[in-house]
Protein backbone atom coordinates (compact mmCIF):
# COMPACT_ATOMS: atom_id res chain seq x y z
CA MET A 1 51.98 3.09 19.59
CA SER A 2 53.96 6.03 18.24
CA THR A 3 53.95 9.76 18.93
CA VAL A 4 54.23 12.47 16.28
CA ASN A 5 54.17 16.23 16.64
CA ILE A 6 51.24 18.18 15.27
CA HIS A 7 53.24 19.66 12.35
CA ASP A 8 54.27 16.17 11.16
CA ALA A 9 50.70 14.96 11.68
CA LYS A 10 49.39 17.67 9.36
CA THR A 11 52.11 16.96 6.80
CA HIS A 12 51.70 13.16 6.82
CA PHE A 13 48.03 12.84 7.80
CA SER A 14 47.11 10.27 5.12
CA ARG A 15 50.05 8.06 6.14
CA LEU A 16 49.01 8.25 9.79
CA VAL A 17 45.42 7.34 8.89
CA GLU A 18 46.71 4.35 6.94
CA ARG A 19 48.78 3.24 9.95
CA ALA A 20 45.69 3.56 12.16
CA ALA A 21 43.63 1.57 9.65
CA ASN A 22 46.24 -1.19 9.95
CA GLY A 23 45.70 -1.36 13.71
CA GLU A 24 48.32 1.05 15.07
CA THR A 25 47.51 3.78 17.58
CA VAL A 26 49.16 7.16 16.92
CA ILE A 27 49.48 9.88 19.56
CA ILE A 28 49.60 13.47 18.29
CA ALA A 29 51.53 15.88 20.51
CA LYS A 30 51.94 19.65 20.66
CA ALA A 31 55.17 20.90 22.21
CA GLY A 32 55.82 17.36 23.46
CA LYS A 33 52.47 17.15 25.28
CA PRO A 34 49.98 14.52 23.98
CA ILE A 35 46.78 16.19 22.79
CA ALA A 36 45.05 13.62 20.56
CA LYS A 37 44.95 9.94 19.75
CA LEU A 38 44.37 8.42 16.31
CA VAL A 39 42.98 4.91 16.69
CA PRO A 40 41.53 2.32 14.30
CA LEU A 41 37.77 1.88 14.18
CA GLU A 42 36.36 -1.51 15.01
CA GLN A 43 34.82 -3.15 11.98
CA PRO A 44 31.05 -3.60 12.35
CA VAL A 45 29.81 -7.15 12.65
CA VAL A 46 27.90 -8.06 9.49
CA ASP A 47 24.70 -9.99 10.08
CA THR A 48 24.79 -12.67 7.41
CA SER A 49 21.63 -14.44 8.57
CA LYS A 50 19.44 -12.34 6.23
CA ARG A 51 21.61 -12.64 3.14
CA PHE A 52 20.61 -14.65 0.11
CA GLY A 53 22.37 -18.00 0.09
CA GLY A 54 22.90 -18.01 3.85
CA LEU A 55 21.59 -21.58 4.11
CA ARG A 56 23.33 -22.86 0.99
CA GLY A 57 24.33 -26.49 1.37
CA GLN A 58 22.29 -27.07 4.54
CA PHE A 59 19.36 -28.78 2.80
CA LYS A 60 18.45 -30.13 -0.63
CA ILE A 61 15.36 -29.25 -2.65
CA PRO A 62 14.05 -32.24 -4.60
CA ASP A 63 14.07 -32.05 -8.39
CA ASP A 64 10.28 -32.57 -8.51
CA PHE A 65 9.59 -29.83 -5.93
CA ASP A 66 7.16 -27.99 -8.17
CA ARG A 67 5.17 -31.17 -8.79
CA MET A 68 5.05 -32.47 -5.20
CA MET A 69 1.55 -33.39 -3.99
CA GLU A 70 0.17 -32.44 -7.41
CA ASP A 71 -2.67 -34.96 -7.22
CA GLU A 72 -3.76 -33.92 -3.71
CA ILE A 73 -3.78 -30.23 -4.64
CA ALA A 74 -5.77 -30.86 -7.82
CA GLU A 75 -8.27 -32.91 -5.80
CA MET A 76 -8.73 -30.05 -3.31
CA PHE A 77 -9.43 -27.52 -6.07
CA ASN A 78 -11.54 -29.78 -8.24
CA GLY A 79 -13.51 -31.24 -5.37
CA LYS A 80 -13.02 -34.84 -6.53
């Protein structure tokens, strides 16, 4: 954690934001008295359970998937 005066904070704001983004906390002081704190934001947790490919590699689809139970289905529709 570092402390900078308000004039330096205005002059080097983008550098201070970059330091905060890298995990550092920066205290901004006026006349030596702390008045503000620049802290990094916590990254939101991304819910990957609803993403495409989330189950990749956990099961295998047979090559004849589109022809499975073909005879039974035809029998149900044709009534034979």
